[in-house]
Amino acid sequence: MSNAGLDNRQRNQDGEINHKHGATLIGTLRKIYGQGFAAGYPPTSSLSDVMLHLNETSLGQLRRDYKTGHLDHKITKALN
């Protein structure tokens, strides 16, 4: 049994990520995390379109960077 399921912490964090970065394109996130990020989805899809379907690897990368406060910076850098 996962602790995340007991207190909804992961689900709440995912909702925050989706709310704050949902408009970010998968193509932009692939500049950060590599071509395997959200595999099977076009680069023009937004994060909010695929968030519920991400595999654990892609979702874990987002969660880690969001939790450490690095996601904003990485997205900004990828856009420039």
PDB file of N, CA and C in Angstrom:
ATOM      1  N   MET A   1       0.838  -1.178   0.000  1.00  0.00           N
ATOM      2  CA  MET A   1       0.000   0.000   0.000  1.00  0.00           C
ATOM      3  C   MET A   1       0.886   1.246   0.000  1.00  0.00           C
ATOM      4  N   SER A   2       0.583   2.182  -0.830  1.00  0.00           N
ATOM      5  CA  SER A   2       1.394   3.391  -0.967  1.00  0.00           C
ATOM      6  C   SER A   2       0.929   4.482  -0.019  1.00  0.00           C
ATOM      7  N   ASN A   3       1.866   5.180   0.586  1.00  0.00           N
ATOM      8  CA  ASN A   3       1.513   6.310   1.444  1.00  0.00           C
ATOM      9  C   ASN A   3       0.832   7.416   0.674  1.00  0.00           C
ATOM     10  N   ALA A   4       1.169   7.572  -0.590  1.00  0.00           N
ATOM     11  CA  ALA A   4       0.549   8.622  -1.401  1.00  0.00           C
ATOM     12  C   ALA A   4      -0.956   8.414  -1.481  1.00  0.00           C
ATOM     13  N   GLY A   5      -1.402   7.178  -1.529  1.00  0.00           N
ATOM     14  CA  GLY A   5      -2.827   6.899  -1.590  1.00  0.00           C
ATOM     15  C   GLY A   5      -3.530   7.168  -0.277  1.00  0.00           C
ATOM     16  N   LEU A   6      -2.796   7.128   0.829  1.00  0.00           N
ATOM     17  CA  LEU A   6      -3.399   7.335   2.134  1.00  0.00           C
ATOM     18  C   LEU A   6      -3.721   8.799   2.406  1.00  0.00           C
ATOM     19  N   ASP A   7      -2.854   9.691   1.992  1.00  0.00           N
ATOM     20  CA  ASP A   7      -3.081  11.100   2.327  1.00  0.00           C
ATOM     21  C   ASP A   7      -3.272  11.999   1.111  1.00  0.00           C
ATOM     22  N   ASN A   8      -3.329  11.422  -0.082  1.00  0.00           N
ATOM     23  CA  ASN A   8      -3.551  12.168  -1.324  1.00  0.00           C
ATOM     24  C   ASN A   8      -2.471  13.202  -1.629  1.00  0.00           C
ATOM     25  N   ARG A   9      -1.333  13.109  -0.979  1.00  0.00           N
ATOM     26  CA  ARG A   9      -0.291  14.103  -1.193  1.00  0.00           C
ATOM     27  C   ARG A   9       0.173  14.139  -2.645  1.00  0.00           C
ATOM     28  N   GLN A  10       0.422  12.985  -3.255  1.00  0.00           N
ATOM     29  CA  GLN A  10       0.862  12.960  -4.652  1.00  0.00           C
ATOM     30  C   GLN A  10      -0.214  13.544  -5.552  1.00  0.00           C
ATOM     31  N   ARG A  11      -1.459  13.169  -5.326  1.00  0.00           N
ATOM     32  CA  ARG A  11      -2.554  13.666  -6.151  1.00  0.00           C
ATOM     33  C   ARG A  11      -2.656  15.184  -6.026  1.00  0.00           C
ATOM     34  N   ASN A  12      -2.536  15.714  -4.827  1.00  0.00           N
ATOM     35  CA  ASN A  12      -2.600  17.163  -4.634  1.00  0.00           C
ATOM     36  C   ASN A  12      -1.449  17.853  -5.352  1.00  0.00           C
ATOM     37  N   GLN A  13      -0.260  17.291  -5.258  1.00  0.00           N
ATOM     38  CA  GLN A  13       0.903  17.859  -5.932  1.00  0.00           C
ATOM     39  C   GLN A  13       0.712  17.830  -7.444  1.00  0.00           C
ATOM     40  N   ASP A  14       0.183  16.739  -7.973  1.00  0.00           N
ATOM     41  CA  ASP A  14      -0.060  16.648  -9.406  1.00  0.00           C
ATOM     42  C   ASP A  14      -1.052  17.719  -9.846  1.00  0.00           C
ATOM     43  N   GLY A  15      -2.068  17.964  -9.030  1.00  0.00           N
ATOM     44  CA  GLY A  15      -3.042  19.005  -9.341  1.00  0.00           C
ATOM     45  C   GLY A  15      -2.408  20.377  -9.368  1.00  0.00           C
ATOM     46  N   GLU A  16      -1.489  20.637  -8.452  1.00  0.00           N
ATOM     47  CA  GLU A  16      -0.781  21.913  -8.418  1.00  0.00           C
ATOM     48  C   GLU A  16       0.096  22.081  -9.650  1.00  0.00           C
ATOM     49  N   ILE A  17       0.785  21.020 -10.024  1.00  0.00           N
ATOM     50  CA  ILE A  17       1.638  21.063 -11.218  1.00  0.00           C
ATOM     51  C   ILE A  17       0.767  21.335 -12.440  1.00  0.00           C
ATOM     52  N   ASN A  18      -0.331  20.623 -12.565  1.00  0.00           N
ATOM     53  CA  ASN A  18      -1.214  20.777 -13.703  1.00  0.00           C
ATOM     54  C   ASN A  18      -1.801  22.188 -13.755  1.00  0.00           C
ATOM     55  N   HIS A  19      -2.188  22.714 -12.614  1.00  0.00           N
ATOM     56  CA  HIS A  19      -2.757  24.060 -12.555  1.00  0.00           C
ATOM     57  C   HIS A  19      -1.730  25.119 -12.964  1.00  0.00           C
ATOM     58  N   LYS A  20      -0.528  24.988 -12.458  1.00  0.00           N
ATOM     59  CA  LYS A  20       0.502  25.999 -12.706  1.00  0.00           C
ATOM     60  C   LYS A  20       1.174  25.840 -14.069  1.00  0.00           C
ATOM     61  N   HIS A  21       1.354  24.609 -14.545  1.00  0.00           N
ATOM     62  CA  HIS A  21       2.122  24.357 -15.770  1.00  0.00           C
ATOM     63  C   HIS A  21       1.338  23.603 -16.834  1.00  0.00           C
ATOM     64  N   GLY A  22       0.035  23.516 -16.683  1.00  0.00           N
ATOM     65  CA  GLY A  22      -0.799  22.747 -17.604  1.00  0.00           C
ATOM     66  C   GLY A  22      -0.710  23.183 -19.054  1.00  0.00           C
ATOM     67  N   ALA A  23      -0.445  24.459 -19.306  1.00  0.00           N
ATOM     68  CA  ALA A  23      -0.366  24.968 -20.677  1.00  0.00           C
ATOM     69  C   ALA A  23       0.990  24.696 -21.332  1.00  0.00           C
ATOM     70  N   THR A  24       1.947  24.204 -20.574  1.00  0.00           N
ATOM     71  CA  THR A  24       3.278  23.924 -21.115  1.00  0.00           C
ATOM     72  C   THR A  24       3.182  22.792 -22.133  1.00  0.00           C
ATOM     73  N   LEU A  25       3.805  22.991 -23.274  1.00  0.00           N
ATOM     74  CA  LEU A  25       3.766  21.993 -24.336  1.00  0.00           C
ATOM     75  C   LEU A  25       4.705  20.826 -24.038  1.00  0.00           C
ATOM     76  N   ILE A  26       4.294  19.645 -24.461  1.00  0.00           N
ATOM     77  CA  ILE A  26       5.115  18.448 -24.289  1.00  0.00           C
ATOM     78  C   ILE A  26       6.461  18.627 -24.990  1.00  0.00           C
ATOM     79  N   GLY A  27       6.466  19.294 -26.119  1.00  0.00           N
ATOM     80  CA  GLY A  27       7.720  19.565 -26.828  1.00  0.00           C
ATOM     81  C   GLY A  27       8.703  20.344 -25.970  1.00  0.00           C
ATOM     82  N   THR A  28       8.210  21.291 -25.192  1.00  0.00           N
ATOM     83  CA  THR A  28       9.071  22.059 -24.282  1.00  0.00           C
ATOM     84  C   THR A  28       9.617  21.155 -23.184  1.00  0.00           C
ATOM     85  N   LEU A  29       8.759  20.310 -22.638  1.00  0.00           N
ATOM     86  CA  LEU A  29       9.203  19.409 -21.571  1.00  0.00           C
ATOM     87  C   LEU A  29      10.201  18.381 -22.086  1.00  0.00           C
ATOM     88  N   ARG A  30      10.105  18.025 -23.356  1.00  0.00           N
ATOM     89  CA  ARG A  30      11.085  17.095 -23.937  1.00  0.00           C
ATOM     90  C   ARG A  30      12.454  17.750 -24.068  1.00  0.00           C
ATOM     91  N   LYS A  31      12.514  19.061 -24.188  1.00  0.00           N
ATOM     92  CA  LYS A  31      13.812  19.750 -24.189  1.00  0.00           C
ATOM     93  C   LYS A  31      14.484  19.598 -22.838  1.00  0.00           C
ATOM     94  N   ILE A  32      13.693  19.462 -21.800  1.00  0.00           N
ATOM     95  CA  ILE A  32      14.212  19.330 -20.438  1.00  0.00           C
ATOM     96  C   ILE A  32      14.516  17.873 -20.106  1.00  0.00           C
ATOM     97  N   TYR A  33      13.566  16.995 -20.369  1.00  0.00           N
ATOM     98  CA  TYR A  33      13.645  15.611 -19.897  1.00  0.00           C
ATOM     99  C   TYR A  33      14.013  14.590 -20.959  1.00  0.00           C
ATOM    100  N   GLY A  34      14.111  15.004 -22.203  1.00  0.00           N
ATOM    101  CA  GLY A  34      14.479  14.082 -23.268  1.00  0.00           C
ATOM    102  C   GLY A  34      13.278  13.638 -24.083  1.00  0.00           C
ATOM    103  N   GLN A  35      13.559  13.010 -25.208  1.00  0.00           N
ATOM    104  CA  GLN A  35      12.519  12.638 -26.167  1.00  0.00           C
ATOM    105  C   GLN A  35      11.570  11.558 -25.642  1.00  0.00           C
ATOM    106  N   GLY A  36      11.951  10.858 -24.610  1.00  0.00           N
ATOM    107  CA  GLY A  36      11.089   9.823 -24.052  1.00  0.00           C
ATOM    108  C   GLY A  36       9.995  10.354 -23.146  1.00  0.00           C
ATOM    109  N   PHE A  37      10.048  11.650 -22.836  1.00  0.00           N
ATOM    110  CA  PHE A  37       9.035  12.232 -21.954  1.00  0.00           C
ATOM    111  C   PHE A  37       7.675  12.197 -22.648  1.00  0.00           C
ATOM    112  N   ALA A  38       6.666  11.680 -21.976  1.00  0.00           N
ATOM    113  CA  ALA A  38       5.301  11.576 -22.514  1.00  0.00           C
ATOM    114  C   ALA A  38       5.310  10.910 -23.891  1.00  0.00           C
ATOM    115  N   ALA A  39       6.034   9.807 -23.968  1.00  0.00           N
ATOM    116  CA  ALA A  39       6.148   9.069 -25.229  1.00  0.00           C
ATOM    117  C   ALA A  39       4.768   8.724 -25.776  1.00  0.00           C
ATOM    118  N   GLY A  40       4.636   8.876 -27.077  1.00  0.00           N
ATOM    119  CA  GLY A  40       3.384   8.561 -27.737  1.00  0.00           C
ATOM    120  C   GLY A  40       2.460   9.746 -27.914  1.00  0.00           C
ATOM    121  N   TYR A  41       2.811  10.880 -27.327  1.00  0.00           N
ATOM    122  CA  TYR A  41       1.989  12.082 -27.459  1.00  0.00           C
ATOM    123  C   TYR A  41       2.712  13.096 -28.337  1.00  0.00           C
ATOM    124  N   PRO A  42       1.975  13.828 -29.161  1.00  0.00           N
ATOM    125  CA  PRO A  42       2.619  14.810 -30.030  1.00  0.00           C
ATOM    126  C   PRO A  42       3.215  15.961 -29.219  1.00  0.00           C
ATOM    127  N   PRO A  43       4.271  16.574 -29.737  1.00  0.00           N
ATOM    128  CA  PRO A  43       4.922  17.668 -29.016  1.00  0.00           C
ATOM    129  C   PRO A  43       4.022  18.891 -28.854  1.00  0.00           C
ATOM    130  N   THR A  44       2.951  18.968 -29.630  1.00  0.00           N
ATOM    131  CA  THR A  44       2.034  20.109 -29.530  1.00  0.00           C
ATOM    132  C   THR A  44       0.950  19.905 -28.474  1.00  0.00           C
ATOM    133  N   SER A  45       0.914  18.740 -27.833  1.00  0.00           N
ATOM    134  CA  SER A  45      -0.034  18.507 -26.735  1.00  0.00           C
ATOM    135  C   SER A  45       0.406  19.304 -25.526  1.00  0.00           C
ATOM    136  N   SER A  46      -0.550  19.747 -24.742  1.00  0.00           N
ATOM    137  CA  SER A  46      -0.209  20.449 -23.510  1.00  0.00           C
ATOM    138  C   SER A  46      -0.104  19.444 -22.370  1.00  0.00           C
ATOM    139  N   LEU A  47       0.604  19.835 -21.334  1.00  0.00           N
ATOM    140  CA  LEU A  47       0.760  18.968 -20.173  1.00  0.00           C
ATOM    141  C   LEU A  47      -0.599  18.600 -19.597  1.00  0.00           C
ATOM    142  N   SER A  48      -1.532  19.548 -19.557  1.00  0.00           N
ATOM    143  CA  SER A  48      -2.850  19.253 -18.997  1.00  0.00           C
ATOM    144  C   SER A  48      -3.589  18.185 -19.805  1.00  0.00           C
ATOM    145  N   ASP A  49      -3.311  18.098 -21.110  1.00  0.00           N
ATOM    146  CA  ASP A  49      -3.952  17.086 -21.951  1.00  0.00           C
ATOM    147  C   ASP A  49      -3.467  15.675 -21.637  1.00  0.00           C
ATOM    148  N   VAL A  50      -2.243  15.537 -21.182  1.00  0.00           N
ATOM    149  CA  VAL A  50      -1.662  14.199 -21.001  1.00  0.00           C
ATOM    150  C   VAL A  50      -1.301  13.870 -19.557  1.00  0.00           C
ATOM    151  N   MET A  51      -1.474  14.801 -18.647  1.00  0.00           N
ATOM    152  CA  MET A  51      -1.031  14.625 -17.257  1.00  0.00           C
ATOM    153  C   MET A  51      -1.541  13.314 -16.638  1.00  0.00           C
ATOM    154  N   LEU A  52      -2.798  13.002 -16.833  1.00  0.00           N
ATOM    155  CA  LEU A  52      -3.367  11.792 -16.227  1.00  0.00           C
ATOM    156  C   LEU A  52      -2.870  10.506 -16.861  1.00  0.00           C
ATOM    157  N   HIS A  53      -2.208  10.617 -18.017  1.00  0.00           N
ATOM    158  CA  HIS A  53      -1.765   9.430 -18.748  1.00  0.00           C
ATOM    159  C   HIS A  53      -0.250   9.234 -18.722  1.00  0.00           C
ATOM    160  N   LEU A  54       0.465  10.103 -18.025  1.00  0.00           N
ATOM    161  CA  LEU A  54       1.930   9.994 -17.986  1.00  0.00           C
ATOM    162  C   LEU A  54       2.355   8.736 -17.253  1.00  0.00           C
ATOM    163  N   ASN A  55       3.431   8.134 -17.749  1.00  0.00           N
ATOM    164  CA  ASN A  55       3.970   6.981 -17.024  1.00  0.00           C
ATOM    165  C   ASN A  55       4.704   7.469 -15.780  1.00  0.00           C
ATOM    166  N   GLU A  56       5.046   6.556 -14.916  1.00  0.00           N
ATOM    167  CA  GLU A  56       5.638   6.925 -13.624  1.00  0.00           C
ATOM    168  C   GLU A  56       6.986   7.629 -13.780  1.00  0.00           C
ATOM    169  N   THR A  57       7.748   7.276 -14.815  1.00  0.00           N
ATOM    170  CA  THR A  57       9.041   7.926 -15.031  1.00  0.00           C
ATOM    171  C   THR A  57       8.853   9.401 -15.349  1.00  0.00           C
ATOM    172  N   SER A  58       8.003   9.705 -16.317  1.00  0.00           N
ATOM    173  CA  SER A  58       7.774  11.097 -16.698  1.00  0.00           C
ATOM    174  C   SER A  58       7.154  11.885 -15.548  1.00  0.00           C
ATOM    175  N   LEU A  59       6.161  11.289 -14.896  1.00  0.00           N
ATOM    176  CA  LEU A  59       5.496  11.957 -13.785  1.00  0.00           C
ATOM    177  C   LEU A  59       6.463  12.175 -12.623  1.00  0.00           C
ATOM    178  N   GLY A  60       7.311  11.202 -12.377  1.00  0.00           N
ATOM    179  CA  GLY A  60       8.300  11.329 -11.299  1.00  0.00           C
ATOM    180  C   GLY A  60       9.280  12.463 -11.540  1.00  0.00           C
ATOM    181  N   GLN A  61       9.681  12.651 -12.785  1.00  0.00           N
ATOM    182  CA  GLN A  61      10.591  13.746 -13.107  1.00  0.00           C
ATOM    183  C   GLN A  61       9.931  15.092 -12.812  1.00  0.00           C
ATOM    184  N   LEU A  62       8.691  15.231 -13.213  1.00  0.00           N
ATOM    185  CA  LEU A  62       7.958  16.477 -12.947  1.00  0.00           C
ATOM    186  C   LEU A  62       7.798  16.716 -11.453  1.00  0.00           C
ATOM    187  N   ARG A  63       7.385  15.685 -10.739  1.00  0.00           N
ATOM    188  CA  ARG A  63       7.179  15.818  -9.290  1.00  0.00           C
ATOM    189  C   ARG A  63       8.456  16.235  -8.584  1.00  0.00           C
ATOM    190  N   ARG A  64       9.560  15.609  -8.958  1.00  0.00           N
ATOM    191  CA  ARG A  64      10.843  15.913  -8.313  1.00  0.00           C
ATOM    192  C   ARG A  64      11.221  17.378  -8.518  1.00  0.00           C
ATOM    193  N   ASP A  65      11.152  17.837  -9.763  1.00  0.00           N
ATOM    194  CA  ASP A  65      11.545  19.215 -10.042  1.00  0.00           C
ATOM    195  C   ASP A  65      10.571  20.223  -9.452  1.00  0.00           C
ATOM    196  N   TYR A  66       9.291  19.882  -9.413  1.00  0.00           N
ATOM    197  CA  TYR A  66       8.306  20.768  -8.808  1.00  0.00           C
ATOM    198  C   TYR A  66       8.560  20.874  -7.308  1.00  0.00           C
ATOM    199  N   LYS A  67       8.782  19.740  -6.675  1.00  0.00           N
ATOM    200  CA  LYS A  67       9.000  19.698  -5.222  1.00  0.00           C
ATOM    201  C   LYS A  67      10.244  20.484  -4.810  1.00  0.00           C
ATOM    202  N   THR A  68      11.292  20.413  -5.633  1.00  0.00           N
ATOM    203  CA  THR A  68      12.536  21.113  -5.297  1.00  0.00           C
ATOM    204  C   THR A  68      12.534  22.571  -5.756  1.00  0.00           C
ATOM    205  N   GLY A  69      11.473  22.981  -6.476  1.00  0.00           N
ATOM    206  CA  GLY A  69      11.384  24.365  -6.932  1.00  0.00           C
ATOM    207  C   GLY A  69      12.141  24.656  -8.218  1.00  0.00           C
ATOM    208  N   HIS A  70      12.580  23.627  -8.924  1.00  0.00           N
ATOM    209  CA  HIS A  70      13.371  23.823 -10.132  1.00  0.00           C
ATOM    210  C   HIS A  70      12.552  23.834 -11.424  1.00  0.00           C
ATOM    211  N   LEU A  71      11.299  23.412 -11.371  1.00  0.00           N
ATOM    212  CA  LEU A  71      10.517  23.260 -12.593  1.00  0.00           C
ATOM    213  C   LEU A  71      10.314  24.593 -13.313  1.00  0.00           C
ATOM    214  N   ASP A  72       9.976  25.636 -12.601  1.00  0.00           N
ATOM    215  CA  ASP A  72       9.776  26.954 -13.223  1.00  0.00           C
ATOM    216  C   ASP A  72      11.030  27.383 -14.001  1.00  0.00           C
ATOM    217  N   HIS A  73      12.152  27.285 -13.358  1.00  0.00           N
ATOM    218  CA  HIS A  73      13.425  27.703 -13.971  1.00  0.00           C
ATOM    219  C   HIS A  73      13.732  26.866 -15.221  1.00  0.00           C
ATOM    220  N   LYS A  74      13.527  25.560 -15.120  1.00  0.00           N
ATOM    221  CA  LYS A  74      13.838  24.683 -16.253  1.00  0.00           C
ATOM    222  C   LYS A  74      12.927  24.985 -17.446  1.00  0.00           C
ATOM    223  N   ILE A  75      11.652  25.246 -17.185  1.00  0.00           N
ATOM    224  CA  ILE A  75      10.729  25.577 -18.281  1.00  0.00           C
ATOM    225  C   ILE A  75      11.114  26.899 -18.907  1.00  0.00           C
ATOM    226  N   THR A  76      11.408  27.898 -18.094  1.00  0.00           N
ATOM    227  CA  THR A  76      11.825  29.207 -18.613  1.00  0.00           C
ATOM    228  C   THR A  76      13.057  29.080 -19.471  1.00  0.00           C
ATOM    229  N   LYS A  77      14.033  28.330 -19.010  1.00  0.00           N
ATOM    230  CA  LYS A  77      15.276  28.128 -19.760  1.00  0.00           C
ATOM    231  C   LYS A  77      15.008  27.406 -21.079  1.00  0.00           C
ATOM    232  N   ALA A  78      14.133  26.430 -21.087  1.00  0.00           N
ATOM    233  CA  ALA A  78      13.826  25.666 -22.293  1.00  0.00           C
ATOM    234  C   ALA A  78      13.099  26.523 -23.332  1.00  0.00           C
ATOM    235  N   LEU A  79      12.368  27.516 -22.880  1.00  0.00           N
ATOM    236  CA  LEU A  79      11.625  28.387 -23.786  1.00  0.00           C
ATOM    237  C   LEU A  79      12.525  29.448 -24.432  1.00  0.00           C
ATOM    238  N   ASN A  80      13.674  29.683 -23.860  1.00  0.00           N
ATOM    239  CA  ASN A  80      14.587  30.711 -24.394  1.00  0.00           C
ATOM    240  C   ASN A  80      15.659  30.141 -25.279  1.00  0.00           C
TER     241      ASN A  80
END
